[in-house]
Amino acid sequence: MSSGLGRSRAYSLVDSSQVSTFLISILLIVYGSFRSLNMDFENQDKEKDNNSSSGPFNGNSTNNSIQTIDSTQALFLPIGASVSLLVMFFFFDSVQVVFTICTAVLATIAFAFLLLPMCQYLTRPCSPQNKISFGCCGRFTAAELLSFSLSVMLVLIWVLTGHWLLMDALAMGLCVAMIAFVRLPSLKVSCLLLSGLLIYDVFWVFFSAYIFNSNVMVKVATQPADNPLDVLSRKLHLGPSVGRDVPRLSLPGKLVFPSSTGSHFSMLGIGDIVMPGLLLCFVLRYDNYKKQASGDSCSASGPANISGRMQKVSYFHCTLIGYFVGLLTATVASRIHRAAQPALLYLVPFTLLPLLTMAYLKGDLRRMWSEPFHSKSSSSRFLEV
């Protein structure tokens, strides 16, 4: 009996929904991290062009869209997230339409950012890269207009159908955009942020039911919202035949994959992808910075007994493997306990601890701990991973 139960749990781990969750979450982190690194290279080039043509005063103009989290923000972000969670728990009926519209707008912009490289590739042979002026709205290339138009179409189809695949596509866009546009400046800020979010995740999944008589995290994550078209139809008294047959919407704050049999589904919040993804993005930038600074030479401050093979293993490899193991552990725990698990409880230790250990052994821990990056232009464009 026990062996049969063990086999069924093992088979559940290779179910299509679980495999899809694993692959997509890792691909989003890797892709978002490299988009972020590429944006750094582009900003460096623009800064050099601005400095050479307009003097030093426009040097930081290209970095306005990038948000760097400092220590204070890292400490208070779990508190702000808890307040937002409580607002959604107690006042969901009152704010659901506004929240849905805001989420749809953000998802449109994020998915347009996800589609932009593909649109640039498609429009390069047949369209010049000159920007088209739209007055006060700004200037945009043909690729940017195409990606935004496709994103608007996808959001409209999602609103009309509520299909889970379209919701997943929008969630993927949000993940990539947040990983690409948000920066962790040091390992200290990374530890503060991830440790605080671990406590936040554990409390709202495991202990909120004792206070609020309901699992706050699960209820907010799974509660569908009224479709804005249905609400608009009722407010304007357009009749039962106009806008009344649209489904309720499950918001793109998570990735959802149904199993091949349709009997269950796998769900992973985008916070469980984005927050470890920010750490992966940080270590990828550090790997690239160290490669530029030392030309792939071994750290002189590292212990003498570190093998050459370990020196060749990047921090990005180490942390990405830790993320995979943590996600696998969270999946096994959810199958054993047959209940939702706080994924960050497993992801944070399995990513941070190997990274801290490896940084200590290589002699980079002190340098990574506080502000390891220096303003420096480089001609390097690629990092082998």
Protein backbone atom coordinates (compact mmCIF):
# COMPACT_ATOMS: atom_id res chain seq x y z
CA MET A 1 0.00 0.00 0.00
CA SER A 2 2.76 2.41 0.95
CA SER A 3 4.75 1.62 -2.20
CA GLY A 4 1.67 2.23 -4.34
CA LEU A 5 1.06 5.56 -2.60
CA GLY A 6 4.70 6.49 -3.16
CA ARG A 7 4.44 5.67 -6.86
CA SER A 8 1.27 7.74 -7.24
CA ARG A 9 2.98 10.72 -5.63
CA ALA A 10 6.00 10.25 -7.87
CA TYR A 11 3.76 10.12 -10.93
CA SER A 12 2.01 13.32 -9.80
CA LEU A 13 5.35 15.14 -9.89
CA VAL A 14 5.75 14.40 -13.59
CA ASP A 15 2.18 15.37 -14.39
CA SER A 16 1.90 17.80 -17.31
CA SER A 17 0.71 20.62 -15.05
CA GLN A 18 3.71 20.27 -12.73
CA VAL A 19 6.21 19.96 -15.58
CA SER A 20 4.72 23.04 -17.26
CA THR A 21 4.97 25.02 -14.02
CA PHE A 22 8.61 24.04 -13.55
CA LEU A 23 9.68 24.78 -17.12
CA ILE A 24 7.78 28.05 -17.55
CA SER A 25 8.86 29.52 -14.20
CA ILE A 26 12.55 28.76 -14.89
CA LEU A 27 12.36 30.06 -18.46
CA LEU A 28 10.72 33.29 -17.28
CA ILE A 29 13.47 33.87 -14.72
CA VAL A 30 16.27 33.16 -17.19
CA TYR A 31 14.72 35.25 -19.95
CA GLY A 32 13.84 38.13 -17.63
CA SER A 33 17.36 38.17 -16.19
CA PHE A 34 18.97 38.35 -19.62
CA ARG A 35 16.52 41.05 -20.75
CA SER A 36 17.59 43.01 -17.67
CA LEU A 37 21.29 42.53 -18.48
CA ASN A 38 20.71 43.58 -22.07
CA MET A 39 18.91 46.72 -20.87
CA ASP A 40 21.98 47.58 -18.78
CA PHE A 41 24.17 47.31 -21.88
CA GLU A 42 21.79 49.49 -23.89
CA ASN A 43 21.68 52.10 -21.12
CA GLN A 44 25.47 52.18 -20.98
CA ASP A 45 25.62 52.84 -24.72
CA LYS A 46 23.01 55.59 -24.48
CA GLU A 47 24.84 57.19 -21.57
CA LYS A 48 28.05 57.26 -23.58
CA ASP A 49 26.23 58.80 -26.56
CA ASN A 50 24.52 61.40 -24.35
CA ASN A 51 27.75 62.29 -22.58
CA SER A 52 29.61 62.71 -25.84
CA SER A 53 26.88 64.81 -27.49
CA SER A 54 25.19 66.74 -24.67
CA GLY A 55 27.68 66.81 -21.83
CA PRO A 56 27.44 65.08 -18.46
CA PHE A 57 24.02 66.39 -17.42
CA ASN A 58 21.96 63.81 -19.27
CA GLY A 59 23.98 60.82 -18.08
CA ASN A 60 21.23 59.25 -15.95
CA SER A 61 18.29 59.95 -18.23
CA THR A 62 18.26 56.44 -19.66
CA ASN A 63 17.83 54.81 -16.25
CA ASN A 64 14.59 56.55 -15.28
CA SER A 65 12.46 53.47 -16.01
CA ILE A 66 14.53 51.17 -13.76
CA GLN A 67 13.56 50.91 -10.08
CA THR A 68 16.24 49.95 -7.57
CA ILE A 69 15.06 48.61 -4.20
CA ASP A 70 16.93 49.97 -1.18
CA SER A 71 17.11 48.54 2.35
CA THR A 72 14.13 50.56 3.65
CA GLN A 73 11.91 49.49 0.77
CA ALA A 74 13.01 45.87 1.23
CA LEU A 75 11.99 45.99 4.91
CA PHE A 76 8.61 47.63 4.33
CA LEU A 77 7.58 45.77 1.16
CA PRO A 78 6.20 42.74 3.10
CA ILE A 79 4.21 45.13 5.29
CA GLY A 80 2.76 46.88 2.27
CA ALA A 81 1.97 43.53 0.68
CA SER A 82 0.18 42.45 3.87
CA VAL A 83 -1.95 45.61 3.87
CA SER A 84 -2.86 45.07 0.21
CA LEU A 85 -3.76 41.45 0.96
CA LEU A 86 -6.07 42.48 3.79
CA VAL A 87 -7.74 45.12 1.61
CA MET A 88 -8.40 42.49 -1.05
CA PHE A 89 -9.66 40.05 1.60
CA PHE A 90 -12.13 42.38 3.34
CA PHE A 91 -13.13 44.76 0.53
CA PHE A 92 -12.79 42.62 -2.58
CA ASP A 93 -16.38 43.22 -3.71
CA SER A 94 -15.88 46.98 -3.53
CA VAL A 95 -12.52 47.24 -5.28
CA GLN A 96 -12.58 44.26 -7.63
CA VAL A 97 -13.57 46.20 -10.76
CA VAL A 98 -10.97 48.93 -10.23
CA PHE A 99 -8.35 46.31 -9.38
CA THR A 100 -9.24 44.29 -12.50
CA ILE A 101 -8.95 47.33 -14.77
CA CYS A 102 -5.60 48.36 -13.23
CA THR A 103 -4.32 44.80 -13.58
CA ALA A 104 -5.44 44.67 -17.21
CA VAL A 105 -3.63 47.96 -17.99
CA LEU A 106 -0.41 46.79 -16.32
CA ALA A 107 -0.66 43.40 -18.04
CA THR A 108 -1.10 45.13 -21.42
CA ILE A 109 2.09 47.16 -20.97
CA ALA A 110 4.03 44.17 -19.59
CA PHE A 111 2.97 41.82 -22.38
CA ALA A 112 3.87 44.46 -24.97
CA PHE A 113 7.35 44.53 -23.42
CA LEU A 114 7.48 40.71 -23.67
CA LEU A 115 6.50 40.80 -27.36
CA LEU A 116 8.81 43.68 -28.31
CA PRO A 117 11.90 41.62 -29.37
CA MET A 118 9.77 39.42 -31.61
CA CYS A 119 8.11 42.47 -33.17
CA GLN A 120 11.50 44.13 -33.70
CA TYR A 121 12.68 41.01 -35.53
CA LEU A 122 9.55 40.94 -37.71
CA THR A 123 9.56 44.63 -38.64
CA ARG A 124 13.32 45.05 -39.17
CA PRO A 125 13.37 43.93 -42.87
CA CYS A 126 10.35 45.95 -43.98
CA SER A 127 10.23 49.00 -41.72
CA PRO A 128 12.76 51.69 -40.74
CA GLN A 129 13.56 52.12 -37.06
CA ASN A 130 12.53 55.77 -37.09
CA LYS A 131 10.09 56.76 -34.38
CA ILE A 132 6.59 57.99 -35.20
CA SER A 133 5.34 60.97 -33.24
CA PHE A 134 1.96 60.80 -31.47
CA GLY A 135 2.00 64.29 -30.02
CA CYS A 136 1.87 64.42 -26.24
CA CYS A 137 1.80 60.61 -26.07
CA GLY A 138 5.41 60.36 -27.22
CA ARG A 139 7.37 58.83 -30.09
CA PHE A 140 7.29 55.10 -30.90
CA THR A 141 8.82 52.73 -33.41
CA ALA A 142 6.77 50.44 -35.63
CA ALA A 143 7.82 47.46 -33.52
CA GLU A 144 6.61 49.14 -30.33
CA LEU A 145 3.26 49.99 -31.92
CA LEU A 146 2.87 46.42 -33.21
CA SER A 147 3.69 44.85 -29.84
CA PHE A 148 1.29 47.19 -28.04
CA SER A 149 -1.50 46.48 -30.55
CA LEU A 150 -1.06 42.72 -30.19
CA SER A 151 -1.04 43.07 -26.40
CA VAL A 152 -4.28 45.09 -26.43
CA MET A 153 -5.91 42.45 -28.62
CA LEU A 154 -4.85 39.65 -26.28
CA VAL A 155 -6.18 41.50 -23.21
CA LEU A 156 -9.51 42.14 -24.93
CA ILE A 157 -9.83 38.46 -25.88
CA TRP A 158 -8.98 37.51 -22.29
CA VAL A 159 -11.70 39.84 -20.97
CA LEU A 160 -14.23 38.32 -23.37
CA THR A 161 -13.32 34.67 -22.80
CA GLY A 162 -11.54 34.48 -19.43
CA HIS A 163 -9.42 31.62 -20.79
CA TRP A 164 -6.68 30.39 -18.44
CA LEU A 165 -4.07 30.27 -21.22
CA LEU A 166 -4.49 33.98 -21.96
CA MET A 167 -4.32 34.73 -18.24
CA ASP A 168 -1.05 32.78 -18.07
CA ALA A 169 0.33 34.76 -21.03
CA LEU A 170 -0.41 38.05 -19.26
CA ALA A 171 1.13 36.72 -16.04
CA MET A 172 4.27 35.78 -17.97
CA GLY A 173 4.51 39.32 -19.29
CA LEU A 174 4.20 40.71 -15.77
CA CYS A 175 6.95 38.38 -14.52
CA VAL A 176 9.42 39.30 -17.24
CA ALA A 177 8.73 43.03 -16.95
CA MET A 178 9.17 43.09 -13.16
CA ILE A 179 12.39 41.07 -13.29
CA ALA A 180 13.75 43.33 -16.05
CA PHE A 181 12.81 46.70 -14.54
CA VAL A 182 13.43 46.11 -10.82
CA ARG A 183 16.96 45.86 -9.41
CA LEU A 184 18.44 44.51 -6.21
CA PRO A 185 21.65 46.50 -5.61
CA SER A 186 23.39 44.14 -3.18
CA LEU A 187 23.24 40.79 -1.45
CA LYS A 188 22.28 42.52 1.81
CA VAL A 189 19.13 44.00 0.27
CA SER A 190 18.39 40.64 -1.37
CA CYS A 191 18.56 38.85 2.00
CA LEU A 192 16.37 41.49 3.69
CA LEU A 193 13.74 41.35 0.97
CA LEU A 194 13.55 37.57 0.60
CA SER A 195 13.64 36.93 4.36
CA GLY A 196 10.81 39.39 4.95
CA LEU A 197 8.74 37.89 2.16
CA LEU A 198 9.37 34.39 3.52
CA ILE A 199 7.86 35.46 6.86
CA TYR A 200 4.99 37.15 5.01
CA ASP A 201 4.26 34.05 2.94
CA VAL A 202 4.43 31.64 5.88
CA PHE A 203 2.20 33.79 8.08
CA TRP A 204 -0.58 34.37 5.56
CA VAL A 205 -0.65 30.73 4.38
CA PHE A 206 -0.22 28.87 7.68
CA PHE A 207 -1.44 31.20 10.44
CA SER A 208 -4.01 33.57 8.92
CA ALA A 209 -6.78 30.98 9.29
CA TYR A 210 -6.41 31.09 13.09
CA ILE A 211 -7.05 34.84 13.11
CA PHE A 212 -9.45 35.41 10.20
CA ASN A 213 -11.16 31.97 10.12
CA SER A 214 -10.00 31.59 6.53
CA ASN A 215 -6.76 31.13 4.62
CA VAL A 216 -6.34 34.72 3.47
CA MET A 217 -3.66 34.01 0.87
CA VAL A 218 -5.52 31.15 -0.79
CA LYS A 219 -8.85 32.97 -0.82
CA VAL A 220 -7.45 36.12 -2.39
CA ALA A 221 -5.41 34.14 -4.94
CA THR A 222 -8.31 31.97 -6.10
CA GLN A 223 -11.24 34.39 -5.90
CA PRO A 224 -12.51 35.42 -9.36
CA ALA A 225 -13.50 39.00 -10.08
CA ASP A 226 -16.55 40.35 -11.87
CA ASN A 227 -15.97 41.06 -15.54
CA PRO A 228 -15.82 44.84 -16.18
CA LEU A 229 -18.05 44.40 -19.25
CA ASP A 230 -20.73 42.76 -17.12
CA VAL A 231 -20.48 45.53 -14.50
CA LEU A 232 -20.67 48.22 -17.19
CA SER A 233 -23.72 46.54 -18.73
CA ARG A 234 -25.53 46.48 -15.40
CA LYS A 235 -24.59 50.05 -14.51
CA LEU A 236 -25.81 51.42 -17.85
CA HIS A 237 -28.90 49.13 -17.93
CA LEU A 238 -28.00 47.83 -21.38
CA GLY A 239 -30.16 44.76 -21.02
CA PRO A 240 -29.45 41.07 -20.41
CA SER A 241 -28.23 40.45 -23.96
CA VAL A 242 -25.37 42.97 -23.82
CA GLY A 243 -22.28 42.06 -21.83
CA ARG A 244 -24.06 39.59 -19.56
CA ASP A 245 -22.65 36.36 -21.01
CA VAL A 246 -19.00 37.18 -20.31
CA PRO A 247 -17.32 35.02 -17.65
CA ARG A 248 -15.86 36.12 -14.34
CA LEU A 249 -12.13 36.69 -14.52
CA SER A 250 -9.35 34.99 -12.63
CA LEU A 251 -6.72 37.74 -12.39
CA PRO A 252 -3.20 37.20 -13.83
CA GLY A 253 -1.43 37.14 -10.49
CA LYS A 254 -0.47 33.50 -10.88
CA LEU A 255 0.38 30.78 -13.37
CA VAL A 256 -2.27 28.07 -13.66
CA PHE A 257 -1.81 24.84 -15.60
CA PRO A 258 -4.51 22.12 -15.67
CA SER A 259 -3.45 18.49 -15.61
CA SER A 260 -3.77 16.30 -18.67
CA THR A 261 -6.85 14.64 -17.18
CA GLY A 262 -8.39 17.93 -16.06
CA SER A 263 -8.92 16.59 -12.54
CA HIS A 264 -6.66 19.16 -10.89
CA PHE A 265 -4.39 22.09 -11.68
CA SER A 266 -1.02 23.42 -10.62
CA MET A 267 -0.82 27.04 -9.45
CA LEU A 268 2.22 29.21 -8.73
CA GLY A 269 1.99 32.88 -7.75
CA ILE A 270 4.00 35.35 -9.80
CA GLY A 271 5.62 36.56 -6.57
CA ASP A 272 7.18 33.10 -6.25
CA ILE A 273 8.76 33.68 -9.67
CA VAL A 274 9.57 37.39 -9.54
CA MET A 275 11.17 37.63 -6.08
CA PRO A 276 13.65 34.77 -6.56
CA GLY A 277 14.00 36.03 -10.13
CA LEU A 278 15.28 39.39 -8.82
CA LEU A 279 17.97 37.49 -6.92
CA LEU A 280 18.88 35.53 -10.08
CA CYS A 281 19.04 38.80 -12.00
CA PHE A 282 21.37 40.26 -9.36
CA VAL A 283 23.79 37.31 -9.49
CA LEU A 284 23.75 37.31 -13.30
CA ARG A 285 24.74 40.98 -13.28
CA TYR A 286 27.45 40.20 -10.71
CA ASP A 287 28.79 37.32 -12.79
CA ASN A 288 28.99 39.63 -15.77
CA TYR A 289 30.58 42.43 -13.72
CA LYS A 290 33.17 40.05 -12.29
CA LYS A 291 33.92 38.66 -15.74
CA GLN A 292 34.48 42.15 -17.10
CA ALA A 293 36.60 43.18 -14.12
CA SER A 294 38.83 40.13 -13.88
CA GLY A 295 38.69 38.52 -17.31
CA ASP A 296 37.37 35.24 -15.88
CA SER A 297 40.39 34.95 -13.57
CA CYS A 298 39.99 33.27 -10.20
CA SER A 299 39.42 35.51 -7.19
CA ALA A 300 42.73 36.20 -5.48
CA SER A 301 41.05 36.44 -2.08
CA GLY A 302 39.45 33.01 -2.24
CA PRO A 303 40.71 30.06 -0.18
CA ALA A 304 43.58 28.19 -1.77
CA ASN A 305 41.82 24.83 -1.71
CA ILE A 306 38.95 25.86 -3.98
CA SER A 307 39.10 23.70 -7.06
CA GLY A 308 39.28 25.08 -10.53
CA ARG A 309 35.99 23.41 -11.40
CA MET A 310 34.17 25.29 -8.65
CA GLN A 311 35.70 28.56 -9.82
CA LYS A 312 34.12 27.94 -13.25
CA VAL A 313 30.63 27.45 -11.81
CA SER A 314 28.83 30.79 -11.94
CA TYR A 315 26.63 32.18 -9.17
CA PHE A 316 23.80 32.19 -11.67
CA HIS A 317 24.12 28.43 -12.23
CA CYS A 318 24.25 27.78 -8.48
CA THR A 319 21.21 29.92 -7.65
CA LEU A 320 19.16 28.64 -10.58
CA ILE A 321 19.74 25.02 -9.50
CA GLY A 322 18.75 26.03 -5.98
CA TYR A 323 15.52 27.54 -7.31
CA PHE A 324 14.69 24.32 -9.15
CA VAL A 325 15.35 22.19 -6.05
CA GLY A 326 13.28 24.56 -3.89
CA LEU A 327 10.37 24.44 -6.33
CA LEU A 328 10.56 20.66 -6.42
CA THR A 329 10.58 20.52 -2.62
CA ALA A 330 7.56 22.83 -2.42
CA THR A 331 5.70 20.60 -4.88
CA VAL A 332 6.50 17.44 -2.91
CA ALA A 333 5.39 19.14 0.33
CA SER A 334 2.07 20.21 -1.21
CA ARG A 335 1.45 16.65 -2.43
CA ILE A 336 2.28 15.12 0.94
CA HIS A 337 0.20 17.55 3.00
CA ARG A 338 -2.52 17.90 0.34
CA ALA A 339 -2.71 21.63 1.04
CA ALA A 340 -1.32 24.89 -0.32
CA GLN A 341 2.25 25.56 0.69
CA PRO A 342 4.11 28.89 0.98
CA ALA A 343 6.53 28.38 -1.89
CA LEU A 344 8.98 30.97 -0.58
CA LEU A 345 9.47 28.82 2.53
CA TYR A 346 11.38 26.43 0.27
CA LEU A 347 12.61 28.74 -2.49
CA VAL A 348 14.36 31.28 -0.26
CA PRO A 349 16.61 28.84 1.67
CA PHE A 350 17.43 26.80 -1.43
CA THR A 351 18.52 29.92 -3.34
CA LEU A 352 20.11 32.08 -0.65
CA LEU A 353 22.05 29.47 1.34
CA PRO A 354 23.96 27.94 -1.61
CA LEU A 355 24.67 31.44 -2.92
CA LEU A 356 26.01 32.65 0.44
CA THR A 357 28.11 29.52 0.86
CA MET A 358 29.57 29.76 -2.63
CA ALA A 359 30.30 33.50 -2.25
CA TYR A 360 32.10 32.83 1.03
CA LEU A 361 34.19 30.02 -0.43
CA LYS A 362 35.12 32.10 -3.46
CA GLY A 363 35.96 35.13 -1.32
CA ASP A 364 33.29 37.35 -2.90
CA LEU A 365 30.86 37.54 0.03
CA ARG A 366 32.05 40.88 1.40
CA ARG A 367 32.10 42.45 -2.06
CA MET A 368 28.61 41.17 -2.94
CA TRP A 369 27.13 42.12 0.43
CA SER A 370 27.01 45.87 -0.14
CA GLU A 371 26.95 47.74 -3.47
CA PRO A 372 29.24 45.50 -5.54
CA PHE A 373 28.65 47.32 -8.83
CA HIS A 374 30.55 50.33 -10.05
CA SER A 375 29.55 52.65 -12.81
CA LYS A 376 31.55 51.35 -15.67
CA SER A 377 31.03 51.06 -19.39
CA SER A 378 31.97 47.95 -21.18
CA SER A 379 32.16 46.65 -24.69
CA SER A 380 31.20 43.13 -23.61
CA ARG A 381 27.77 42.03 -24.77
CA PHE A 382 27.46 38.36 -23.92
CA LEU A 383 27.83 36.15 -20.88
CA GLU A 384 28.15 32.40 -21.26
CA VAL A 385 25.64 30.50 -19.11
